[in-house]
Protein backbone atom coordinates (compact mmCIF):
# COMPACT_ATOMS: atom_id res chain seq x y z
CA UNK A 1 85.34 127.69 113.65
CA UNK A 2 83.54 127.89 117.00
CA UNK A 3 85.17 126.56 120.16
CA UNK A 4 82.40 123.96 120.59
CA UNK A 5 82.79 122.65 117.06
CA UNK A 6 86.56 122.62 117.40
CA UNK A 7 86.35 120.69 120.69
CA UNK A 8 83.90 118.08 119.38
CA UNK A 9 85.72 117.45 116.12
CA UNK A 10 89.11 117.44 117.85
CA UNK A 11 87.81 114.82 120.27
CA UNK A 12 86.67 112.64 117.36
CA UNK A 13 90.01 113.08 115.64
CA UNK A 14 91.95 112.00 118.71
CA UNK A 15 89.79 109.17 120.01
CA UNK A 16 86.59 107.19 119.60
CA UNK A 17 83.64 108.70 121.47
CA UNK A 18 80.89 106.57 123.01
CA UNK A 19 77.33 107.78 122.53
CA UNK A 20 74.35 106.69 124.61
CA UNK A 21 71.62 104.23 123.60
CA UNK A 22 67.87 104.35 123.16
CA UNK A 23 65.73 106.78 125.17
CA UNK A 24 62.45 105.30 123.93
CA UNK A 25 63.44 101.76 124.90
CA UNK A 26 64.27 102.88 128.43
CA UNK A 27 60.97 104.76 128.78
CA UNK A 28 59.11 101.67 127.56
CA UNK A 29 60.98 99.45 130.02
CA UNK A 30 60.05 101.87 132.81
CA UNK A 31 56.35 101.48 132.05
CA UNK A 32 55.62 104.29 129.59
CA UNK A 33 53.17 103.02 126.96
CA UNK A 34 54.31 103.17 123.34
CA UNK A 35 51.23 105.15 122.31
CA UNK A 36 52.30 108.09 124.48
CA UNK A 37 54.33 111.01 123.28
CA UNK A 38 57.80 110.35 124.67
CA UNK A 39 58.81 113.96 123.96
CA UNK A 40 56.00 115.25 126.20
CA UNK A 41 57.76 113.66 129.16
CA UNK A 42 60.21 116.56 129.03
CA UNK A 43 57.28 118.57 130.40
CA UNK A 44 55.58 116.06 132.68
CA UNK A 45 58.31 113.66 133.89
CA UNK A 46 61.58 115.65 133.97
CA UNK A 47 63.12 113.49 136.72
CA UNK A 48 62.56 110.33 134.65
CA UNK A 49 64.37 111.85 131.65
CA UNK A 50 67.27 113.12 133.76
CA UNK A 51 67.65 109.75 135.48
CA UNK A 52 67.84 107.88 132.15
CA UNK A 53 70.51 110.28 130.90
CA UNK A 54 72.44 109.67 134.13
CA UNK A 55 72.20 105.90 133.69
CA UNK A 56 73.84 106.19 130.29
CA UNK A 57 76.54 108.56 131.56
CA UNK A 58 77.30 106.27 134.50
CA UNK A 59 77.56 103.36 132.04
CA UNK A 60 80.32 105.21 130.18
CA UNK A 61 78.57 107.42 127.59
CA UNK A 62 80.61 110.48 126.64
CA UNK A 63 77.94 111.82 124.28
CA UNK A 64 74.22 111.95 125.12
CA UNK A 65 71.28 112.90 122.92
CA UNK A 66 68.37 115.06 124.00
CA UNK A 67 64.90 113.51 124.24
CA UNK A 68 63.75 115.38 121.14
CA UNK A 69 63.75 112.79 118.36
CA UNK A 70 60.05 113.51 117.63
CA UNK A 71 59.90 117.10 118.88
CA UNK A 72 59.09 118.73 115.54
CA UNK A 73 55.77 120.49 114.92
CA UNK A 74 54.32 117.74 112.72
CA UNK A 75 54.97 114.82 115.05
CA UNK A 76 53.83 116.81 118.08
CA UNK A 77 50.67 117.82 116.22
CA UNK A 78 49.34 114.26 116.57
CA UNK A 79 49.26 114.80 120.35
CA UNK A 80 48.01 118.39 120.27
CA UNK A 81 51.41 119.63 121.43
CA UNK A 82 52.67 121.53 118.39
CA UNK A 83 52.29 124.87 120.20
CA UNK A 84 54.64 123.66 122.93
CA UNK A 85 57.40 122.48 120.59
CA UNK A 86 59.85 125.20 121.64
CA UNK A 87 59.29 124.52 125.33
CA UNK A 88 59.72 120.77 124.88
CA UNK A 89 63.01 121.18 123.00
CA UNK A 90 64.37 123.75 125.45
CA UNK A 91 63.54 121.64 128.50
CA UNK A 92 65.08 118.56 126.89
CA UNK A 93 68.43 120.34 126.64
CA UNK A 94 68.15 121.48 130.26
CA UNK A 95 67.47 117.90 131.38
CA UNK A 96 70.52 116.59 129.51
CA UNK A 97 72.72 119.32 131.00
CA UNK A 98 71.38 118.58 134.47
CA UNK A 99 72.27 114.90 134.04
CA UNK A 100 75.79 115.78 132.90
CA UNK A 101 76.21 117.79 136.08
CA UNK A 102 79.31 119.64 134.98
CA UNK A 103 81.07 116.55 133.66
CA UNK A 104 82.77 116.64 130.26
CA UNK A 105 79.82 115.25 128.33
CA UNK A 106 78.86 116.36 124.82
CA UNK A 107 75.11 117.01 124.44
CA UNK A 108 73.72 116.55 120.93
CA UNK A 109 70.25 117.76 119.97
CA UNK A 110 68.41 114.78 118.48
CA UNK A 111 66.33 115.52 115.38
CA UNK A 112 64.37 112.78 113.64
CA UNK A 113 62.32 112.70 110.44
CA UNK A 114 59.22 114.88 110.22
CA UNK A 115 56.87 111.93 109.81
CA UNK A 116 55.18 113.43 106.73
CA UNK A 117 55.94 112.87 103.04
CA UNK A 118 57.68 115.90 101.55
CA UNK A 119 55.86 116.29 98.25
CA UNK A 120 54.74 119.53 96.65
CA UNK A 121 51.15 118.47 95.93
CA UNK A 122 50.48 116.29 98.98
CA UNK A 123 51.95 115.89 102.43
CA UNK A 124 54.09 118.93 103.18
CA UNK A 125 56.11 121.13 100.84
CA UNK A 126 59.91 121.38 100.89
CA UNK A 127 59.55 124.91 102.27
CA UNK A 128 57.35 123.71 105.13
CA UNK A 129 59.83 120.92 105.87
CA UNK A 130 62.70 123.40 105.86
CA UNK A 131 60.88 125.69 108.29
CA UNK A 132 60.01 122.81 110.64
CA UNK A 133 63.63 121.64 110.83
CA UNK A 134 64.89 125.23 111.20
CA UNK A 135 62.49 125.91 114.08
CA UNK A 136 63.56 122.83 116.03
CA UNK A 137 67.28 123.33 115.41
CA UNK A 138 67.02 127.02 116.40
CA UNK A 139 65.59 126.18 119.82
CA UNK A 140 68.13 123.41 120.42
CA UNK A 141 71.04 125.68 119.50
CA UNK A 142 69.74 128.56 121.61
CA UNK A 143 69.28 126.17 124.55
CA UNK A 144 72.98 125.27 124.37
CA UNK A 145 73.52 121.92 122.66
CA UNK A 146 77.04 121.06 121.56
CA UNK A 147 75.84 119.78 118.20
CA UNK A 148 72.89 118.45 116.20
CA UNK A 149 72.35 114.81 115.26
CA UNK A 150 69.94 114.06 112.42
CA UNK A 151 69.07 110.38 112.72
CA UNK A 152 66.95 107.63 111.21
CA UNK A 153 66.43 109.66 108.02
CA UNK A 154 65.36 107.46 105.11
CA UNK A 155 65.16 109.89 102.19
CA UNK A 156 67.93 111.85 100.49
CA UNK A 157 65.69 114.87 100.01
CA UNK A 158 64.67 115.08 103.65
CA UNK A 159 68.28 114.86 104.83
CA UNK A 160 69.31 117.56 102.35
CA UNK A 161 66.56 119.90 103.57
CA UNK A 162 67.41 119.20 107.22
CA UNK A 163 71.10 119.92 106.75
CA UNK A 164 70.45 123.09 104.75
CA UNK A 165 68.09 124.37 107.44
CA UNK A 166 70.58 123.63 110.21
CA UNK A 167 73.43 125.34 108.39
CA UNK A 168 71.28 128.45 107.88
CA UNK A 169 70.51 128.53 111.60
CA UNK A 170 74.14 128.10 112.64
CA UNK A 171 76.92 127.63 110.06
CA UNK A 172 79.34 126.46 112.78
CA UNK A 173 77.28 124.02 114.84
CA UNK A 174 78.70 120.45 114.64
CA UNK A 175 76.30 118.18 112.76
CA UNK A 176 76.07 114.39 112.71
CA UNK A 177 74.00 113.05 109.81
CA UNK A 178 72.80 109.44 110.01
CA UNK A 179 70.71 107.57 107.47
CA UNK A 180 68.68 104.44 108.21
CA UNK A 181 69.97 101.70 105.91
CA UNK A 182 68.09 98.71 104.54
CA UNK A 183 71.32 96.80 103.90
CA UNK A 184 74.97 97.47 103.13
CA UNK A 185 74.09 98.88 99.70
CA UNK A 186 71.17 101.27 100.17
CA UNK A 187 69.18 103.38 102.60
CA UNK A 188 65.56 102.47 103.43
CA UNK A 189 64.11 104.62 100.66
CA UNK A 190 66.34 102.89 98.09
CA UNK A 191 69.11 105.39 97.35
CA UNK A 192 72.63 104.02 97.13
CA UNK A 193 75.36 104.27 99.70
CA UNK A 194 77.34 106.63 97.44
CA UNK A 195 74.34 108.92 96.98
CA UNK A 196 73.76 109.03 100.73
CA UNK A 197 77.39 109.93 101.45
CA UNK A 198 77.35 112.58 98.71
CA UNK A 199 74.33 114.34 100.25
CA UNK A 200 75.82 114.27 103.74
CA UNK A 201 79.11 115.75 102.54
CA UNK A 202 77.67 118.30 100.10
CA UNK A 203 75.11 119.64 102.59
CA UNK A 204 77.57 120.11 105.41
CA UNK A 205 77.47 117.15 107.82
CA UNK A 206 80.66 117.04 109.89
CA UNK A 207 80.13 113.38 110.82
CA UNK A 208 78.44 110.86 108.53
CA UNK A 209 76.91 107.61 109.64
CA UNK A 210 74.17 105.05 110.00
CA UNK A 211 71.69 104.19 112.72
CA UNK A 212 68.52 102.22 113.45
CA UNK A 213 66.69 99.78 111.12
CA UNK A 214 69.37 97.07 111.23
CA UNK A 215 71.45 95.24 113.83
CA UNK A 216 75.20 95.18 114.50
CA UNK A 217 76.18 92.56 111.92
CA UNK A 218 74.65 94.30 108.92
CA UNK A 219 75.53 97.82 110.01
CA UNK A 220 79.19 96.74 110.27
CA UNK A 221 79.11 96.11 106.51
CA UNK A 222 77.50 99.54 106.05
CA UNK A 223 80.14 101.52 107.90
CA UNK A 224 83.02 99.49 106.46
CA UNK A 225 81.93 100.67 103.03
CA UNK A 226 81.17 104.16 104.27
CA UNK A 227 84.63 104.64 105.76
CA UNK A 228 86.09 103.89 102.33
CA UNK A 229 83.86 106.52 100.70
CA UNK A 230 84.44 109.54 102.93
CA UNK A 231 87.21 111.46 104.67
CA UNK A 232 84.85 112.55 107.45
CA UNK A 233 84.43 110.83 110.81
CA UNK A 234 81.91 107.99 110.67
CA UNK A 235 79.27 107.23 113.31
CA UNK A 236 77.41 103.99 113.93
CA UNK A 237 74.40 103.31 116.18
CA UNK A 238 72.64 100.03 115.39
CA UNK A 239 69.46 98.56 116.82
CA UNK A 240 69.75 95.65 119.21
CA UNK A 241 68.72 93.30 116.41
CA UNK A 242 65.17 92.96 115.10
CA UNK A 243 62.34 93.31 117.66
CA UNK A 244 59.81 90.64 118.52
CA UNK A 245 56.54 90.75 120.44
CA UNK A 246 56.45 88.37 123.40
CA UNK A 247 53.34 88.30 125.60
CA UNK A 248 52.28 91.67 124.31
CA UNK A 249 55.62 93.37 124.92
CA UNK A 250 58.34 94.41 122.49
CA UNK A 251 61.75 92.79 122.97
CA UNK A 252 65.15 93.10 121.29
CA UNK A 253 67.46 90.12 121.60
CA UNK A 254 70.97 91.37 120.79
CA UNK A 255 72.70 91.10 124.17
CA UNK A 256 75.03 93.65 125.74
CA UNK A 257 77.92 91.18 125.37
CA UNK A 258 77.19 90.90 121.65
CA UNK A 259 77.29 94.69 121.38
CA UNK A 260 80.64 94.74 123.16
CA UNK A 261 82.09 92.37 120.56
CA UNK A 262 80.71 94.45 117.69
CA UNK A 263 81.85 97.73 119.22
CA UNK A 264 85.40 96.44 118.80
CA UNK A 265 84.65 95.58 115.16
CA UNK A 266 83.11 99.01 114.53
CA UNK A 267 86.26 100.66 115.87
CA UNK A 268 88.51 98.36 113.83
CA UNK A 269 86.48 99.32 110.76
CA UNK A 270 87.19 103.00 111.41
CA UNK A 271 84.12 104.34 113.26
CA UNK A 272 84.80 107.37 115.50
CA UNK A 273 81.37 107.81 117.17
CA UNK A 274 79.84 104.57 118.48
CA UNK A 275 76.47 104.13 120.20
CA UNK A 276 73.16 102.31 120.12
CA UNK A 277 69.64 102.83 118.84
CA UNK A 278 66.35 100.99 119.40
CA UNK A 279 66.49 98.21 121.95
CA UNK A 280 69.77 99.29 123.52
CA UNK A 281 70.10 100.12 127.21
CA UNK A 282 72.80 101.32 129.63
CA UNK A 283 73.92 97.68 129.88
CA UNK A 284 74.69 97.75 126.14
CA UNK A 285 76.53 101.05 126.61
CA UNK A 286 78.58 99.64 129.48
CA UNK A 287 79.57 96.65 127.39
CA UNK A 288 80.62 98.87 124.49
CA UNK A 289 82.56 101.12 126.87
CA UNK A 290 85.09 98.35 127.49
CA UNK A 291 85.89 98.08 123.79
CA UNK A 292 86.04 101.85 123.38
CA UNK A 293 88.44 102.21 126.31
CA UNK A 294 90.58 99.35 125.03
CA UNK A 295 90.75 100.30 121.37
CA UNK A 296 89.50 103.81 120.88
CA UNK A 297 91.53 105.92 123.27
CA UNK A 298 94.75 106.30 121.34
CA UNK A 299 95.53 109.65 122.98
CA UNK A 300 94.58 108.56 126.50
CA UNK A 301 97.88 108.64 128.30
CA UNK A 302 98.83 108.92 131.95
CA UNK A 303 97.47 112.23 133.21
CA UNK A 304 99.87 114.46 135.04
CA UNK A 305 98.58 115.85 138.30
CA UNK A 306 100.88 118.87 138.14
CA UNK A 307 103.33 120.48 135.71
CA UNK A 308 106.71 118.77 135.61
CA UNK A 309 109.68 120.81 136.68
CA UNK A 310 112.31 119.96 134.11
CA UNK A 311 115.00 119.78 136.76
CA UNK A 312 113.07 116.87 138.30
CA UNK A 313 113.24 114.87 135.06
CA UNK A 314 116.33 112.66 135.15
CA UNK A 315 118.37 111.55 132.16
CA UNK A 316 117.43 107.97 131.28
CA UNK A 317 119.91 105.17 131.82
CA UNK A 318 121.35 104.21 128.40
CA UNK A 319 119.37 101.29 126.99
CA UNK A 320 122.46 99.10 126.61
CA UNK A 321 123.07 99.39 130.37
CA UNK A 322 119.56 98.49 131.48
CA UNK A 323 119.52 94.77 130.69
CA UNK A 324 121.24 92.11 128.58
CA UNK A 325 118.31 92.32 126.16
CA UNK A 326 118.73 96.08 125.93
CA UNK A 327 122.43 95.69 125.14
CA UNK A 328 121.78 93.08 122.43
CA UNK A 329 119.12 95.23 120.77
CA UNK A 330 121.35 98.32 120.81
CA UNK A 331 124.29 96.37 119.37
CA UNK A 332 122.13 94.82 116.65
CA UNK A 333 122.44 91.23 117.79
CA UNK A 334 119.92 88.70 116.50
CA UNK A 335 117.63 88.05 119.49
CA UNK A 336 115.38 85.03 120.03
CA UNK A 337 112.54 85.36 122.51
CA UNK A 338 109.99 82.65 123.24
CA UNK A 339 106.57 83.35 124.77
CA UNK A 340 105.31 81.17 127.61
CA UNK A 341 101.78 81.35 129.01
CA UNK A 342 101.60 80.98 132.79
CA UNK A 343 99.50 78.01 133.95
CA UNK A 344 95.86 78.36 134.97
CA UNK A 345 96.54 76.55 138.24
CA UNK A 346 99.36 75.86 140.65
CA UNK A 347 101.27 73.23 138.66
CA UNK A 348 104.47 74.99 137.61
CA UNK A 349 106.67 72.00 136.77
CA UNK A 350 105.85 71.97 133.07
CA UNK A 351 106.61 75.65 132.44
CA UNK A 352 109.80 75.52 134.50
CA UNK A 353 110.95 72.43 132.58
CA UNK A 354 110.13 74.26 129.36
CA UNK A 355 112.16 77.29 130.43
CA UNK A 356 115.19 75.10 131.15
CA UNK A 357 114.89 73.46 127.73
CA UNK A 358 114.70 76.87 126.05
CA UNK A 359 117.77 78.12 127.91
CA UNK A 360 119.69 75.01 126.86
CA UNK A 361 118.61 75.57 123.25
CA UNK A 362 120.15 79.05 123.24
CA UNK A 363 117.06 81.21 123.59
CA UNK A 364 117.98 84.73 124.74
CA UNK A 365 114.88 85.69 126.68
CA UNK A 366 111.44 84.32 127.66
CA UNK A 367 108.48 86.65 127.44
CA UNK A 368 105.66 85.83 129.85
CA UNK A 369 102.05 86.57 128.90
CA UNK A 370 99.70 88.43 131.25
CA UNK A 371 96.26 86.81 131.26
CA UNK A 372 96.27 86.01 127.50
CA UNK A 373 92.83 86.04 125.86
CA UNK A 374 91.43 87.41 129.16
CA UNK A 375 92.03 84.16 131.05
CA UNK A 376 92.88 83.93 134.75
CA UNK A 377 96.43 82.60 135.17
CA UNK A 378 99.37 82.78 137.54
CA UNK A 379 100.80 86.29 137.73
CA UNK A 380 103.69 86.72 135.24
CA UNK A 381 105.95 88.25 137.90
CA UNK A 382 105.68 85.08 139.99
CA UNK A 383 106.71 82.90 137.06
CA UNK A 384 109.39 85.37 136.05
CA UNK A 385 111.06 85.22 139.44
CA UNK A 386 111.42 81.45 139.11
CA UNK A 387 112.76 81.70 135.55
CA UNK A 388 115.33 84.37 136.41
CA UNK A 389 116.48 83.07 139.81
CA UNK A 390 116.19 79.30 139.43
CA UNK A 391 116.51 78.72 135.69
CA UNK A 392 118.89 81.62 135.01
CA UNK A 393 117.22 83.04 131.91
CA UNK A 394 116.23 86.64 131.26
CA UNK A 395 112.52 87.52 130.97
CA UNK A 396 110.18 90.06 129.43
CA UNK A 397 107.02 90.70 131.45
CA UNK A 398 103.83 91.38 129.49
CA UNK A 399 101.78 94.00 131.33
CA UNK A 400 98.16 94.66 130.34
CA UNK A 401 95.97 97.66 131.14
CA UNK A 402 92.84 95.53 131.48
CA UNK A 403 93.12 94.43 135.11
CA UNK A 404 94.68 97.38 136.96
CA UNK A 405 93.89 101.04 137.35
CA UNK A 406 96.66 103.63 137.16
CA UNK A 407 97.53 103.20 140.83
CA UNK A 408 97.83 99.43 140.41
CA UNK A 409 99.91 99.75 137.25
CA UNK A 410 102.43 102.08 138.86
CA UNK A 411 102.59 99.92 141.97
CA UNK A 412 103.16 96.75 139.92
CA UNK A 413 105.86 98.37 137.81
CA UNK A 414 107.72 99.65 140.86
CA UNK A 415 107.41 96.20 142.41
CA UNK A 416 108.67 94.54 139.24
CA UNK A 417 111.72 96.79 139.21
CA UNK A 418 112.39 96.07 142.88
CA UNK A 419 112.26 92.34 142.07
CA UNK A 420 114.89 92.78 139.40
CA UNK A 421 112.79 92.80 136.22
CA UNK A 422 114.07 95.14 133.53
CA UNK A 423 112.14 94.26 130.36
CA UNK A 424 108.44 95.14 129.91
CA UNK A 425 106.07 94.59 126.99
CA UNK A 426 103.22 97.11 127.28
CA UNK A 427 99.93 95.79 125.90
CA UNK A 428 96.35 97.04 126.15
CA UNK A 429 94.91 93.57 126.81
CA UNK A 430 91.95 91.60 125.50
CA UNK A 431 88.52 92.66 126.82
CA UNK A 432 87.13 90.43 129.65
CA UNK A 433 84.17 89.46 127.48
CA UNK A 434 86.50 87.23 125.47
CA UNK A 435 87.66 85.20 128.43
CA UNK A 436 86.69 82.90 131.25
CA UNK A 437 84.90 85.54 133.31
CA UNK A 438 82.98 87.80 130.91
CA UNK A 439 81.25 89.66 133.75
CA UNK A 440 84.63 90.86 135.08
CA UNK A 441 85.29 94.58 134.74
CA UNK A 442 87.86 95.77 132.24
CA UNK A 443 89.64 98.76 133.80
CA UNK A 444 91.53 100.36 130.88
CA UNK A 445 92.37 103.63 132.67
CA UNK A 446 94.97 103.82 129.92
CA UNK A 447 95.86 101.72 126.91
CA UNK A 448 99.30 100.55 125.79
CA UNK A 449 100.22 104.10 124.76
CA UNK A 450 99.40 105.38 128.23
CA UNK A 451 101.35 102.53 129.86
CA UNK A 452 104.39 103.35 127.74
CA UNK A 453 104.09 106.94 128.94
CA UNK A 454 103.98 105.77 132.56
CA UNK A 455 107.04 103.55 132.08
CA UNK A 456 109.05 106.30 130.43
CA UNK A 457 108.13 108.65 133.27
CA UNK A 458 109.42 106.08 135.76
CA UNK A 459 112.63 105.78 133.73
CA UNK A 460 113.02 109.56 134.08
CA UNK A 461 112.41 109.53 137.82
CA UNK A 462 108.80 110.75 137.70
CA UNK A 463 105.63 109.07 138.92
CA UNK A 464 102.39 109.01 136.94
CA UNK A 465 101.50 112.47 138.32
CA UNK A 466 104.78 114.01 137.20
CA UNK A 467 106.25 114.16 140.71
CA UNK A 468 109.85 113.32 141.43
CA UNK A 469 110.44 109.83 142.89
CA UNK A 470 113.99 110.63 144.11
CA UNK A 471 115.25 107.76 141.98
CA UNK A 472 114.48 106.14 138.62
CA UNK A 473 113.79 102.82 136.98
CA UNK A 474 115.69 101.42 133.99
CA UNK A 475 113.10 99.47 132.00
CA UNK A 476 113.55 98.42 128.38
CA UNK A 477 110.11 99.22 126.98
CA UNK A 478 108.54 97.09 124.26
CA UNK A 479 105.18 97.22 122.47
CA UNK A 480 103.15 94.98 120.20
CA UNK A 481 102.07 95.46 116.59
CA UNK A 482 99.82 93.55 114.22
CA UNK A 483 101.06 93.54 110.60
CA UNK A 484 97.76 91.91 109.53
CA UNK A 485 95.49 94.48 111.19
CA UNK A 486 92.14 95.05 109.49
CA UNK A 487 92.83 98.79 109.59
CA UNK A 488 96.55 99.16 108.74
CA UNK A 489 96.47 102.97 108.87
CA UNK A 490 95.08 102.99 112.39
CA UNK A 491 97.55 100.30 113.48
CA UNK A 492 100.46 102.32 112.11
CA UNK A 493 99.14 105.50 113.72
CA UNK A 494 99.00 103.79 117.11
CA UNK A 495 102.45 102.25 116.65
CA UNK A 496 103.93 105.65 115.81
CA UNK A 497 102.37 107.08 118.97
CA UNK A 498 103.81 104.26 121.05
CA UNK A 499 107.26 105.09 119.69
CA UNK A 500 106.69 108.81 120.23
CA UNK A 501 105.83 108.22 123.89
CA UNK A 502 108.85 106.01 124.57
CA UNK A 503 108.64 102.48 123.12
CA UNK A 504 112.06 101.04 122.30
CA UNK A 505 111.39 97.75 120.49
CA UNK A 506 108.49 96.10 118.65
CA UNK A 507 107.16 92.53 118.88
CA UNK A 508 104.60 91.50 116.28
CA UNK A 509 101.71 89.09 116.24
CA UNK A 510 102.61 85.78 114.53
CA UNK A 511 103.05 86.17 110.79
CA UNK A 512 102.57 83.45 108.15
CA UNK A 513 102.87 85.54 104.99
CA UNK A 514 106.39 86.43 103.78
CA UNK A 515 105.23 89.34 101.65
CA UNK A 516 103.18 90.75 104.53
CA UNK A 517 106.29 90.68 106.73
CA UNK A 518 108.38 92.41 104.06
CA UNK A 519 105.77 95.17 103.68
CA UNK A 520 105.54 95.64 107.43
CA UNK A 521 109.30 95.88 107.93
CA UNK A 522 109.48 98.42 105.13
CA UNK A 523 106.64 100.45 106.64
CA UNK A 524 108.35 100.75 110.05
CA UNK A 525 111.86 101.59 108.83
CA UNK A 526 111.31 105.26 109.69
CA UNK A 527 110.63 104.36 113.34
CA UNK A 528 114.21 103.13 113.77
CA UNK A 529 113.31 100.51 116.35
CA UNK A 530 114.30 96.82 116.53
CA UNK A 531 111.53 94.48 115.37
CA UNK A 532 111.04 90.93 116.65
CA UNK A 533 108.58 89.29 114.20
CA UNK A 534 106.33 86.67 115.75
CA UNK A 535 106.55 83.02 114.63
CA UNK A 536 104.07 80.49 115.98
CA UNK A 537 104.41 76.93 114.61
CA UNK A 538 100.98 75.49 113.88
CA UNK A 539 100.15 72.12 115.44
CA UNK A 540 97.23 71.01 113.26
CA UNK A 541 94.56 72.22 110.89
CA UNK A 542 92.16 72.68 113.81
CA UNK A 543 94.76 74.79 115.55
CA UNK A 544 95.13 76.97 112.45
CA UNK A 545 91.35 77.29 112.12
CA UNK A 546 91.00 78.30 115.78
CA UNK A 547 93.74 80.90 115.64
CA UNK A 548 92.38 82.43 112.44
CA UNK A 549 88.77 82.67 113.59
CA UNK A 550 88.86 83.11 117.34
CA UNK A 551 92.08 84.80 118.43
CA UNK A 552 92.20 88.61 118.02
CA UNK A 553 94.88 89.87 115.67
CA UNK A 554 95.68 86.45 114.18
CA UNK A 555 95.41 85.89 110.44
CA UNK A 556 96.31 82.54 108.85
CA UNK A 557 96.38 82.81 105.03
CA UNK A 558 94.19 80.35 103.11
CA UNK A 559 97.24 78.78 101.51
CA UNK A 560 98.74 78.00 104.91
CA UNK A 561 95.44 76.62 106.18
CA UNK A 562 95.27 74.43 103.09
CA UNK A 563 98.77 73.07 103.74
CA UNK A 564 97.81 72.20 107.31
CA UNK A 565 94.59 70.53 106.14
CA UNK A 566 96.46 68.36 103.65
CA UNK A 567 99.08 67.44 106.26
CA UNK A 568 96.52 65.49 108.31
CA UNK A 569 98.22 63.69 111.19
CA UNK A 570 101.54 65.22 110.16
CA UNK A 571 100.34 68.70 111.07
CA UNK A 572 103.00 69.41 113.69
CA UNK A 573 105.84 68.67 111.27
CA UNK A 574 104.19 70.74 108.56
CA UNK A 575 103.79 73.61 111.03
CA UNK A 576 107.53 73.57 111.66
CA UNK A 577 108.19 73.45 107.91
CA UNK A 578 105.96 76.46 107.34
C-alpha cells in the first residue's frame, strides 16, 4: 500500500475528516454566470480558484477537492476546450496545492459524470467512457492528488467503468465513490442501495458514500442504511436543501447552523468523511467544523511539544489518597453524587440552600455542570468554592473543552488544584449552536479524551507539552458515557480510549430502562472502573418529552413517557416512583 493511501485511510480510521463544500456555488456567488465553464477558470482565473480553496481551508476543511468536476473531454467539448483537458486538470491540482500552502490538507481529484449516455449504439460506448475517465484520472494522479473522488454518479454502469479505469491507472490511489441518491432506498437512476454498495465495493472504492441531489435530512437516512451495509468508511456530502430561483438567481435555503446540527447526526450515524455539495459555502463548512471537532476527533489528544524524559514523569499519588471520593471508589463504597447546574445570574441562594439540603440528606458529593446545553452560567469553580468551604460538601467539577483552548484548560486545571479541587469530570461539551449564543465559537482544541490526557499528565508532573512542572496534581479523573447512544460501538470505542488515557471512574447519562443498564454494566466490566449510573426523576410528561427530543444523549423509553402522560398532575410523584 502506498504511503499516501495509508495516510488517508489511517486518518479516516482514527477520526472524522471534514471535506470542503461547493466550488460552483462559490463561483456563482462571486459573479460567474452559470452558463460559463467553471473548469476553464483554472486557466483564466487561477487566483479566484485558489482563494475559494483557502476560504474552505480557513473555515476548517481538512480535505479539499480540485475544480475538475466537469473536466472530462466530453463536458469540455461543449465549450471547445476538450484539447486543453490535461492542462485544466493539472492546473487545478496546482491551485489546490497552492491554497494548502504546506498545511496538512488532503487534496482529492474531483471527477464527475461524463454527461453522455453510455450506450453501445448511441451516446458513447463503454470503451470510450473508460478511456475518458482514465485520461482524466491519469493527469490528476500525475499532478499529485492524494486521492480521487467520483461524485454525483447516477448509474451503476458509469460508476463501475470509472472505478475500473482508475484502478488500472493506479491500483493504490485512494478512491472515494459517491452516488447521487433519489431517496434512502435508491440512486437517481433507480438502482437499489444494496446494488450501489456492491458496485462500489467490488470495483475497488476505499470509501463509499452519497452526495448531491438531496438535503441533509434525507441523506442522513441514506448513510444510516449504508453504514449497516458496508465495512468501508462512509462519506456524506449533501446539498444545502433544494434550490429555488428568486429574482433570477439560484438560492439554497439550508442554513449553516442547520448543517452544523446534521453534521453531528452524520457522525453519530457512522460517517467518516463529512462535507457539502451544491449550495454549501465556507460558512456551512465552519458550522460543520464545530461538530467534527467535538465528536469526530477521538484520537485528538494533547500534543506534546517535546519527547518526555521518563525520569521527569512522576509516580501518581494513589487514588485513595487524592480525595474522599477517590478513597470511597477504591474501597468499593456505594457513592451518591447529585448534579447541580450553576445559576444563569448572580442569585446563588437557591443552589447553596440546595447543597445544604443534599449534605444533610447524606449525599457524598455534588457534581457541578459547566455551561450545560451550551448555556452561559456562573463558573463551576466559583460555586464549588462556596459548596466546599461554606457548606462543607465535596464537589466534582465538570470541565468542558468547548470554551477554552489548551492553554486555558491547563491554566484552569492548575487553578482548580490550587483552590483545593480534586475531582474532575472531563466532558467534550455541547456545541454552541445548541445554546443561548449560537454565534459563539466552539474551541474544541481537544475533546474529552484529550482532556483526560492533559489531566493525567498533570498528575504525573508534566504539562501539556510534556515538560516537567516540578510538582504534580492529584486529580481523580472521571468521564461520561451514554448507554443509549445511537452508535453503541463508537460510544464504547471512545469510552475505552478514555480509560486507556487515564479515566478512573464513569458517570452515565440518565437511564430509564433497567435492561439497558444491565447490558451497559456488563459491557464495561472489562474496563474495571467504578460506574455511577445517572438517575434523573422526571417532573412531568412535558419534561419527559423535552428531555427525549431536545437534550443530546437523553432517551426516554415510550413506556416511561406513557406512564408520565397518564400521571397528569401527579407527574412528580410518578417520576420518583419510576
